[in-house]
Amino acid sequence: DLYLEIVALENALGNYQEAKNMMATRQFHPWEG
């Protein structure tokens, strides 16, 4: 959730390629909420 918050901030600030790169290099796991 914290890693994703960094991605969300990159997206919100218009750093879409950085967000895309971060998404591609992380194995996420389901969590409640």
PDB file of all heavy atoms in Angstrom:
ATOM      1  N   ASP A   1       0.817  -1.211   0.000  1.00  0.00           N
ATOM      2  CA  ASP A   1       0.000   0.000   0.000  1.00  0.00           C
ATOM      3  C   ASP A   1       0.853   1.265   0.000  1.00  0.00           C
ATOM      4  O   ASP A   1       0.518   2.253  -0.659  1.00  0.00           O
ATOM      5  CB  ASP A   1      -0.999   0.010   1.161  1.00  0.00           C
ATOM      6  CG  ASP A   1      -0.363  -0.254   2.522  1.00  0.00           C
ATOM      7  OD1 ASP A   1       0.872  -0.407   2.599  1.00  0.00           O
ATOM      8  OD2 ASP A   1      -1.119  -0.327   3.524  1.00  0.00           O
ATOM      9  N   LEU A   2       1.981   1.231   0.704  1.00  0.00           N
ATOM     10  CA  LEU A   2       2.869   2.399   0.721  1.00  0.00           C
ATOM     11  C   LEU A   2       3.590   2.568  -0.610  1.00  0.00           C
ATOM     12  O   LEU A   2       3.729   3.678  -1.127  1.00  0.00           O
ATOM     13  CB  LEU A   2       3.903   2.239   1.841  1.00  0.00           C
ATOM     14  CG  LEU A   2       3.677   3.041   3.125  1.00  0.00           C
ATOM     15  CD1 LEU A   2       4.806   2.803   4.102  1.00  0.00           C
ATOM     16  CD2 LEU A   2       3.552   4.528   2.819  1.00  0.00           C
ATOM     17  N   TYR A   3       4.063   1.460  -1.156  1.00  0.00           N
ATOM     18  CA  TYR A   3       4.715   1.501  -2.470  1.00  0.00           C
ATOM     19  C   TYR A   3       3.741   2.073  -3.499  1.00  0.00           C
ATOM     20  O   TYR A   3       4.106   2.920  -4.330  1.00  0.00           O
ATOM     21  CB  TYR A   3       5.151   0.087  -2.858  1.00  0.00           C
ATOM     22  CG  TYR A   3       5.943  -0.011  -4.146  1.00  0.00           C
ATOM     23  CD1 TYR A   3       7.339   0.032  -4.138  1.00  0.00           C
ATOM     24  CD2 TYR A   3       5.303  -0.167  -5.375  1.00  0.00           C
ATOM     25  CE1 TYR A   3       8.067  -0.068  -5.317  1.00  0.00           C
ATOM     26  CE2 TYR A   3       6.021  -0.277  -6.548  1.00  0.00           C
ATOM     27  CZ  TYR A   3       7.400  -0.225  -6.526  1.00  0.00           C
ATOM     28  OH  TYR A   3       8.125  -0.337  -7.695  1.00  0.00           O
ATOM     29  N   LEU A   4       2.493   1.623  -3.426  1.00  0.00           N
ATOM     30  CA  LEU A   4       1.484   2.101  -4.366  1.00  0.00           C
ATOM     31  C   LEU A   4       1.179   3.575  -4.156  1.00  0.00           C
ATOM     32  O   LEU A   4       0.849   4.286  -5.104  1.00  0.00           O
ATOM     33  CB  LEU A   4       0.210   1.267  -4.235  1.00  0.00           C
ATOM     34  CG  LEU A   4      -0.835   1.500  -5.324  1.00  0.00           C
ATOM     35  CD1 LEU A   4      -0.316   1.029  -6.678  1.00  0.00           C
ATOM     36  CD2 LEU A   4      -2.139   0.793  -4.988  1.00  0.00           C
ATOM     37  N   GLU A   5       1.293   4.041  -2.918  1.00  0.00           N
ATOM     38  CA  GLU A   5       1.071   5.463  -2.653  1.00  0.00           C
ATOM     39  C   GLU A   5       2.123   6.306  -3.369  1.00  0.00           C
ATOM     40  O   GLU A   5       1.832   7.402  -3.866  1.00  0.00           O
ATOM     41  CB  GLU A   5       1.096   5.736  -1.155  1.00  0.00           C
ATOM     42  CG  GLU A   5       0.393   7.004  -0.726  1.00  0.00           C
ATOM     43  CD  GLU A   5      -1.107   6.991  -0.995  1.00  0.00           C
ATOM     44  OE1 GLU A   5      -1.773   5.984  -0.700  1.00  0.00           O
ATOM     45  OE2 GLU A   5      -1.610   8.015  -1.523  1.00  0.00           O
ATOM     46  N   ILE A   6       3.344   5.799  -3.433  1.00  0.00           N
ATOM     47  CA  ILE A   6       4.396   6.499  -4.189  1.00  0.00           C
ATOM     48  C   ILE A   6       4.034   6.530  -5.667  1.00  0.00           C
ATOM     49  O   ILE A   6       4.162   7.567  -6.336  1.00  0.00           O
ATOM     50  CB  ILE A   6       5.767   5.817  -3.970  1.00  0.00           C
ATOM     51  CG1 ILE A   6       6.175   5.911  -2.501  1.00  0.00           C
ATOM     52  CG2 ILE A   6       6.833   6.458  -4.864  1.00  0.00           C
ATOM     53  CD1 ILE A   6       7.447   5.142  -2.152  1.00  0.00           C
ATOM     54  N   VAL A   7       3.568   5.391  -6.193  1.00  0.00           N
ATOM     55  CA  VAL A   7       3.124   5.338  -7.593  1.00  0.00           C
ATOM     56  C   VAL A   7       2.009   6.355  -7.826  1.00  0.00           C
ATOM     57  O   VAL A   7       2.017   7.096  -8.823  1.00  0.00           O
ATOM     58  CB  VAL A   7       2.631   3.922  -7.957  1.00  0.00           C
ATOM     59  CG1 VAL A   7       2.029   3.907  -9.364  1.00  0.00           C
ATOM     60  CG2 VAL A   7       3.768   2.910  -7.869  1.00  0.00           C
ATOM     61  N   ALA A   8       1.036   6.397  -6.901  1.00  0.00           N
ATOM     62  CA  ALA A   8      -0.093   7.317  -7.043  1.00  0.00           C
ATOM     63  C   ALA A   8       0.368   8.772  -7.059  1.00  0.00           C
ATOM     64  O   ALA A   8      -0.164   9.598  -7.820  1.00  0.00           O
ATOM     65  CB  ALA A   8      -1.093   7.092  -5.908  1.00  0.00           C
ATOM     66  N   LEU A   9       1.346   9.096  -6.240  1.00  0.00           N
ATOM     67  CA  LEU A   9       1.872  10.461  -6.217  1.00  0.00           C
ATOM     68  C   LEU A   9       2.617  10.791  -7.510  1.00  0.00           C
ATOM     69  O   LEU A   9       2.505  11.907  -8.023  1.00  0.00           O
ATOM     70  CB  LEU A   9       2.787  10.637  -5.004  1.00  0.00           C
ATOM     71  CG  LEU A   9       2.050  10.731  -3.656  1.00  0.00           C
ATOM     72  CD1 LEU A   9       3.014  10.520  -2.493  1.00  0.00           C
ATOM     73  CD2 LEU A   9       1.335  12.072  -3.525  1.00  0.00           C
ATOM     74  N   GLU A  10       3.361   9.822  -8.029  1.00  0.00           N
ATOM     75  CA  GLU A  10       4.030  10.032  -9.326  1.00  0.00           C
ATOM     76  C   GLU A  10       2.983  10.302 -10.407  1.00  0.00           C
ATOM     77  O   GLU A  10       3.140  11.214 -11.232  1.00  0.00           O
ATOM     78  CB  GLU A  10       4.872   8.810  -9.699  1.00  0.00           C
ATOM     79  CG  GLU A  10       6.046   8.510  -8.768  1.00  0.00           C
ATOM     80  CD  GLU A  10       7.233   9.448  -8.939  1.00  0.00           C
ATOM     81  OE1 GLU A  10       7.111  10.475  -9.637  1.00  0.00           O
ATOM     82  OE2 GLU A  10       8.300   9.157  -8.348  1.00  0.00           O
ATOM     83  N   ASN A  11       1.911   9.516 -10.394  1.00  0.00           N
ATOM     84  CA  ASN A  11       0.839   9.735 -11.370  1.00  0.00           C
ATOM     85  C   ASN A  11       0.193  11.098 -11.192  1.00  0.00           C
ATOM     86  O   ASN A  11      -0.049  11.826 -12.162  1.00  0.00           O
ATOM     87  CB  ASN A  11      -0.223   8.642 -11.220  1.00  0.00           C
ATOM     88  CG  ASN A  11       0.019   7.453 -12.126  1.00  0.00           C
ATOM     89  OD1 ASN A  11       0.603   7.574 -13.205  1.00  0.00           O
ATOM     90  ND2 ASN A  11      -0.439   6.286 -11.705  1.00  0.00           N
ATOM     91  N   ALA A  12      -0.100  11.452  -9.944  1.00  0.00           N
ATOM     92  CA  ALA A  12      -0.779  12.717  -9.670  1.00  0.00           C
ATOM     93  C   ALA A  12       0.067  13.917 -10.094  1.00  0.00           C
ATOM     94  O   ALA A  12      -0.469  14.957 -10.493  1.00  0.00           O
ATOM     95  CB  ALA A  12      -1.122  12.819  -8.188  1.00  0.00           C
ATOM     96  N   LEU A  13       1.378  13.760 -10.027  1.00  0.00           N
ATOM     97  CA  LEU A  13       2.288  14.842 -10.398  1.00  0.00           C
ATOM     98  C   LEU A  13       2.670  14.804 -11.874  1.00  0.00           C
ATOM     99  O   LEU A  13       3.504  15.585 -12.335  1.00  0.00           O
ATOM    100  CB  LEU A  13       3.539  14.791  -9.518  1.00  0.00           C
ATOM    101  CG  LEU A  13       3.299  15.155  -8.048  1.00  0.00           C
ATOM    102  CD1 LEU A  13       4.483  14.771  -7.175  1.00  0.00           C
ATOM    103  CD2 LEU A  13       2.996  16.651  -7.911  1.00  0.00           C
ATOM    104  N   GLY A  14       2.072  13.862 -12.622  1.00  0.00           N
ATOM    105  CA  GLY A  14       2.320  13.794 -14.063  1.00  0.00           C
ATOM    106  C   GLY A  14       3.536  12.996 -14.466  1.00  0.00           C
ATOM    107  O   GLY A  14       3.936  13.016 -15.640  1.00  0.00           O
ATOM    108  N   ASN A  15       4.132  12.281 -13.518  1.00  0.00           N
ATOM    109  CA  ASN A  15       5.316  11.463 -13.829  1.00  0.00           C
ATOM    110  C   ASN A  15       4.867  10.052 -14.229  1.00  0.00           C
ATOM    111  O   ASN A  15       5.150   9.065 -13.545  1.00  0.00           O
ATOM    112  CB  ASN A  15       6.247  11.417 -12.613  1.00  0.00           C
ATOM    113  CG  ASN A  15       6.640  12.800 -12.135  1.00  0.00           C
ATOM    114  OD1 ASN A  15       6.793  13.723 -12.934  1.00  0.00           O
ATOM    115  ND2 ASN A  15       6.779  12.962 -10.836  1.00  0.00           N
ATOM    116  N   TYR A  16       4.154   9.973 -15.341  1.00  0.00           N
ATOM    117  CA  TYR A  16       3.480   8.724 -15.716  1.00  0.00           C
ATOM    118  C   TYR A  16       4.456   7.610 -16.084  1.00  0.00           C
ATOM    119  O   TYR A  16       4.214   6.447 -15.767  1.00  0.00           O
ATOM    120  CB  TYR A  16       2.514   8.977 -16.871  1.00  0.00           C
ATOM    121  CG  TYR A  16       1.543  10.086 -16.594  1.00  0.00           C
ATOM    122  CD1 TYR A  16       1.492  11.229 -17.404  1.00  0.00           C
ATOM    123  CD2 TYR A  16       0.666  10.021 -15.512  1.00  0.00           C
ATOM    124  CE1 TYR A  16       0.610  12.255 -17.146  1.00  0.00           C
ATOM    125  CE2 TYR A  16      -0.228  11.051 -15.243  1.00  0.00           C
ATOM    126  CZ  TYR A  16      -0.248  12.170 -16.067  1.00  0.00           C
ATOM    127  OH  TYR A  16      -1.115  13.182 -15.800  1.00  0.00           O
ATOM    128  N   GLN A  17       5.550   7.950 -16.741  1.00  0.00           N
ATOM    129  CA  GLN A  17       6.505   6.910 -17.126  1.00  0.00           C
ATOM    130  C   GLN A  17       7.174   6.313 -15.893  1.00  0.00           C
ATOM    131  O   GLN A  17       7.393   5.101 -15.820  1.00  0.00           O
ATOM    132  CB  GLN A  17       7.564   7.481 -18.072  1.00  0.00           C
ATOM    133  CG  GLN A  17       8.479   6.423 -18.691  1.00  0.00           C
ATOM    134  CD  GLN A  17       7.722   5.391 -19.517  1.00  0.00           C
ATOM    135  OE1 GLN A  17       6.927   5.741 -20.387  1.00  0.00           O
ATOM    136  NE2 GLN A  17       7.961   4.111 -19.246  1.00  0.00           N
ATOM    137  N   GLU A  18       7.482   7.157 -14.918  1.00  0.00           N
ATOM    138  CA  GLU A  18       8.065   6.657 -13.667  1.00  0.00           C
ATOM    139  C   GLU A  18       7.076   5.739 -12.955  1.00  0.00           C
ATOM    140  O   GLU A  18       7.444   4.676 -12.443  1.00  0.00           O
ATOM    141  CB  GLU A  18       8.439   7.824 -12.759  1.00  0.00           C
ATOM    142  CG  GLU A  18       9.003   7.420 -11.401  1.00  0.00           C
ATOM    143  CD  GLU A  18      10.302   6.629 -11.478  1.00  0.00           C
ATOM    144  OE1 GLU A  18      11.019   6.751 -12.507  1.00  0.00           O
ATOM    145  OE2 GLU A  18      10.592   5.881 -10.526  1.00  0.00           O
ATOM    146  N   ALA A  19       5.807   6.145 -12.932  1.00  0.00           N
ATOM    147  CA  ALA A  19       4.770   5.309 -12.318  1.00  0.00           C
ATOM    148  C   ALA A  19       4.658   3.972 -13.047  1.00  0.00           C
ATOM    149  O   ALA A  19       4.560   2.914 -12.415  1.00  0.00           O
ATOM    150  CB  ALA A  19       3.433   6.040 -12.339  1.00  0.00           C
ATOM    151  N   LYS A  20       4.677   4.018 -14.363  1.00  0.00           N
ATOM    152  CA  LYS A  20       4.588   2.797 -15.174  1.00  0.00           C
ATOM    153  C   LYS A  20       5.764   1.868 -14.885  1.00  0.00           C
ATOM    154  O   LYS A  20       5.602   0.646 -14.740  1.00  0.00           O
ATOM    155  CB  LYS A  20       4.541   3.164 -16.660  1.00  0.00           C
ATOM    156  CG  LYS A  20       4.401   1.986 -17.620  1.00  0.00           C
ATOM    157  CD  LYS A  20       4.214   2.514 -19.045  1.00  0.00           C
ATOM    158  CE  LYS A  20       4.111   1.386 -20.053  1.00  0.00           C
ATOM    159  NZ  LYS A  20       5.402   0.703 -20.283  1.00  0.00           N
ATOM    160  N   ASN A  21       6.953   2.433 -14.792  1.00  0.00           N
ATOM    161  CA  ASN A  21       8.149   1.626 -14.502  1.00  0.00           C
ATOM    162  C   ASN A  21       8.048   0.977 -13.123  1.00  0.00           C
ATOM    163  O   ASN A  21       8.419  -0.190 -12.942  1.00  0.00           O
ATOM    164  CB  ASN A  21       9.406   2.495 -14.568  1.00  0.00           C
ATOM    165  CG  ASN A  21       9.690   3.002 -15.980  1.00  0.00           C
ATOM    166  OD1 ASN A  21       9.164   2.473 -16.956  1.00  0.00           O
ATOM    167  ND2 ASN A  21      10.499   4.039 -16.091  1.00  0.00           N
ATOM    168  N   MET A  22       7.568   1.743 -12.153  1.00  0.00           N
ATOM    169  CA  MET A  22       7.420   1.193 -10.803  1.00  0.00           C
ATOM    170  C   MET A  22       6.388   0.071 -10.765  1.00  0.00           C
ATOM    171  O   MET A  22       6.564  -0.935 -10.075  1.00  0.00           O
ATOM    172  CB  MET A  22       7.019   2.308  -9.823  1.00  0.00           C
ATOM    173  CG  MET A  22       8.127   3.288  -9.499  1.00  0.00           C
ATOM    174  SD  MET A  22       7.618   4.480  -8.230  1.00  0.00           S
ATOM    175  CE  MET A  22       7.488   3.406  -6.789  1.00  0.00           C
ATOM    176  N   MET A  23       5.309   0.221 -11.510  1.00  0.00           N
ATOM    177  CA  MET A  23       4.281  -0.816 -11.547  1.00  0.00           C
ATOM    178  C   MET A  23       4.833  -2.113 -12.142  1.00  0.00           C
ATOM    179  O   MET A  23       4.472  -3.212 -11.713  1.00  0.00           O
ATOM    180  CB  MET A  23       3.090  -0.346 -12.398  1.00  0.00           C
ATOM    181  CG  MET A  23       2.315   0.812 -11.827  1.00  0.00           C
ATOM    182  SD  MET A  23       1.452   0.448 -10.283  1.00  0.00           S
ATOM    183  CE  MET A  23       0.282  -0.792 -10.785  1.00  0.00           C
ATOM    184  N   ALA A  24       5.706  -1.971 -13.120  1.00  0.00           N
ATOM    185  CA  ALA A  24       6.206  -3.145 -13.846  1.00  0.00           C
ATOM    186  C   ALA A  24       7.196  -3.965 -13.026  1.00  0.00           C
ATOM    187  O   ALA A  24       7.409  -5.151 -13.320  1.00  0.00           O
ATOM    188  CB  ALA A  24       6.850  -2.702 -15.161  1.00  0.00           C
ATOM    189  N   THR A  25       7.804  -3.368 -12.013  1.00  0.00           N
ATOM    190  CA  THR A  25       8.880  -4.050 -11.285  1.00  0.00           C
ATOM    191  C   THR A  25       8.468  -4.548  -9.907  1.00  0.00           C
ATOM    192  O   THR A  25       9.324  -4.952  -9.111  1.00  0.00           O
ATOM    193  CB  THR A  25      10.088  -3.109 -11.125  1.00  0.00           C
ATOM    194  OG1 THR A  25       9.678  -1.902 -10.455  1.00  0.00           O
ATOM    195  CG2 THR A  25      10.677  -2.741 -12.486  1.00  0.00           C
ATOM    196  N   ARG A  26       7.177  -4.559  -9.622  1.00  0.00           N
ATOM    197  CA  ARG A  26       6.692  -4.950  -8.291  1.00  0.00           C
ATOM    198  C   ARG A  26       5.677  -6.078  -8.399  1.00  0.00           C
ATOM    199  O   ARG A  26       4.782  -6.030  -9.239  1.00  0.00           O
ATOM    200  CB  ARG A  26       6.017  -3.748  -7.624  1.00  0.00           C
ATOM    201  CG  ARG A  26       5.353  -4.041  -6.264  1.00  0.00           C
ATOM    202  CD  ARG A  26       6.305  -3.859  -5.151  1.00  0.00           C
ATOM    203  NE  ARG A  26       5.679  -3.973  -3.839  1.00  0.00           N
ATOM    204  CZ  ARG A  26       6.314  -3.727  -2.700  1.00  0.00           C
ATOM    205  NH1 ARG A  26       7.563  -3.326  -2.725  1.00  0.00           N
ATOM    206  NH2 ARG A  26       5.705  -3.884  -1.539  1.00  0.00           N
ATOM    207  N   GLN A  27       5.823  -7.093  -7.549  1.00  0.00           N
ATOM    208  CA  GLN A  27       4.788  -8.110  -7.424  1.00  0.00           C
ATOM    209  C   GLN A  27       3.860  -7.702  -6.289  1.00  0.00           C
ATOM    210  O   GLN A  27       4.248  -7.695  -5.128  1.00  0.00           O
ATOM    211  CB  GLN A  27       5.390  -9.484  -7.127  1.00  0.00           C
ATOM    212  CG  GLN A  27       4.358 -10.583  -6.874  1.00  0.00           C
ATOM    213  CD  GLN A  27       3.451 -10.834  -8.071  1.00  0.00           C
ATOM    214  OE1 GLN A  27       3.915 -11.177  -9.154  1.00  0.00           O
ATOM    215  NE2 GLN A  27       2.143 -10.656  -7.881  1.00  0.00           N
ATOM    216  N   PHE A  28       2.638  -7.326  -6.641  1.00  0.00           N
ATOM    217  CA  PHE A  28       1.660  -6.905  -5.644  1.00  0.00           C
ATOM    218  C   PHE A  28       0.869  -8.108  -5.142  1.00  0.00           C
ATOM    219  O   PHE A  28       0.768  -9.130  -5.821  1.00  0.00           O
ATOM    220  CB  PHE A  28       0.699  -5.874  -6.240  1.00  0.00           C
ATOM    221  CG  PHE A  28       1.337  -4.555  -6.559  1.00  0.00           C
ATOM    222  CD1 PHE A  28       1.849  -4.302  -7.830  1.00  0.00           C
ATOM    223  CD2 PHE A  28       1.427  -3.559  -5.597  1.00  0.00           C
ATOM    224  CE1 PHE A  28       2.443  -3.081  -8.129  1.00  0.00           C
ATOM    225  CE2 PHE A  28       2.023  -2.337  -5.886  1.00  0.00           C
ATOM    226  CZ  PHE A  28       2.529  -2.100  -7.154  1.00  0.00           C
ATOM    227  N   HIS A  29       0.318  -7.948  -3.949  1.00  0.00           N
ATOM    228  CA  HIS A  29      -0.477  -9.005  -3.336  1.00  0.00           C
ATOM    229  C   HIS A  29      -1.808  -8.404  -2.892  1.00  0.00           C
ATOM    230  O   HIS A  29      -1.853  -7.268  -2.423  1.00  0.00           O
ATOM    231  CB  HIS A  29       0.251  -9.601  -2.127  1.00  0.00           C
ATOM    232  CG  HIS A  29       1.654 -10.021  -2.434  1.00  0.00           C
ATOM    233  ND1 HIS A  29       2.716  -9.125  -2.407  1.00  0.00           N
ATOM    234  CD2 HIS A  29       2.172 -11.213  -2.807  1.00  0.00           C
ATOM    235  CE1 HIS A  29       3.825  -9.758  -2.745  1.00  0.00           C
ATOM    236  NE2 HIS A  29       3.524 -11.024  -2.994  1.00  0.00           N
ATOM    237  N   PRO A  30      -2.905  -9.141  -3.003  1.00  0.00           N
ATOM    238  CA  PRO A  30      -4.205  -8.597  -2.583  1.00  0.00           C
ATOM    239  C   PRO A  30      -4.206  -8.267  -1.096  1.00  0.00           C
ATOM    240  O   PRO A  30      -3.586  -8.967  -0.300  1.00  0.00           O
ATOM    241  CB  PRO A  30      -5.177  -9.757  -2.881  1.00  0.00           C
ATOM    242  CG  PRO A  30      -4.464 -10.638  -3.856  1.00  0.00           C
ATOM    243  CD  PRO A  30      -3.006 -10.511  -3.531  1.00  0.00           C
ATOM    244  N   TRP A  31      -4.898  -7.191  -0.728  1.00  0.00           N
ATOM    245  CA  TRP A  31      -5.068  -6.883   0.698  1.00  0.00           C
ATOM    246  C   TRP A  31      -6.452  -6.270   0.901  1.00  0.00           C
ATOM    247  O   TRP A  31      -7.019  -5.659  -0.002  1.00  0.00           O
ATOM    248  CB  TRP A  31      -3.962  -5.957   1.209  1.00  0.00           C
ATOM    249  CG  TRP A  31      -4.025  -4.519   0.795  1.00  0.00           C
ATOM    250  CD1 TRP A  31      -4.652  -3.488   1.430  1.00  0.00           C
ATOM    251  CD2 TRP A  31      -3.402  -3.917  -0.366  1.00  0.00           C
ATOM    252  NE1 TRP A  31      -4.463  -2.311   0.762  1.00  0.00           N
ATOM    253  CE2 TRP A  31      -3.705  -2.534  -0.339  1.00  0.00           C
ATOM    254  CE3 TRP A  31      -2.602  -4.423  -1.405  1.00  0.00           C
ATOM    255  CZ2 TRP A  31      -3.258  -1.657  -1.317  1.00  0.00           C
ATOM    256  CZ3 TRP A  31      -2.161  -3.554  -2.382  1.00  0.00           C
ATOM    257  CH2 TRP A  31      -2.492  -2.180  -2.335  1.00  0.00           C
ATOM    258  N   GLU A  32      -6.980  -6.490   2.093  1.00  0.00           N
ATOM    259  CA  GLU A  32      -8.313  -5.990   2.437  1.00  0.00           C
ATOM    260  C   GLU A  32      -8.332  -4.467   2.355  1.00  0.00           C
ATOM    261  O   GLU A  32      -7.498  -3.787   2.967  1.00  0.00           O
ATOM    262  CB  GLU A  32      -8.706  -6.430   3.849  1.00  0.00           C
ATOM    263  CG  GLU A  32     -10.084  -5.961   4.295  1.00  0.00           C
ATOM    264  CD  GLU A  32     -11.224  -6.608   3.534  1.00  0.00           C
ATOM    265  OE1 GLU A  32     -11.025  -7.733   3.011  1.00  0.00           O
ATOM    266  OE2 GLU A  32     -12.306  -6.004   3.450  1.00  0.00           O
ATOM    267  N   GLY A  33      -9.254  -3.943   1.589  1.00  0.00           N
ATOM    268  CA  GLY A  33      -9.332  -2.504   1.385  1.00  0.00           C
ATOM    269  C   GLY A  33      -8.523  -2.019   0.200  1.00  0.00           C
ATOM    270  O   GLY A  33      -8.574  -0.845  -0.154  1.00  0.00           O
TER     271      GLY A  33
END
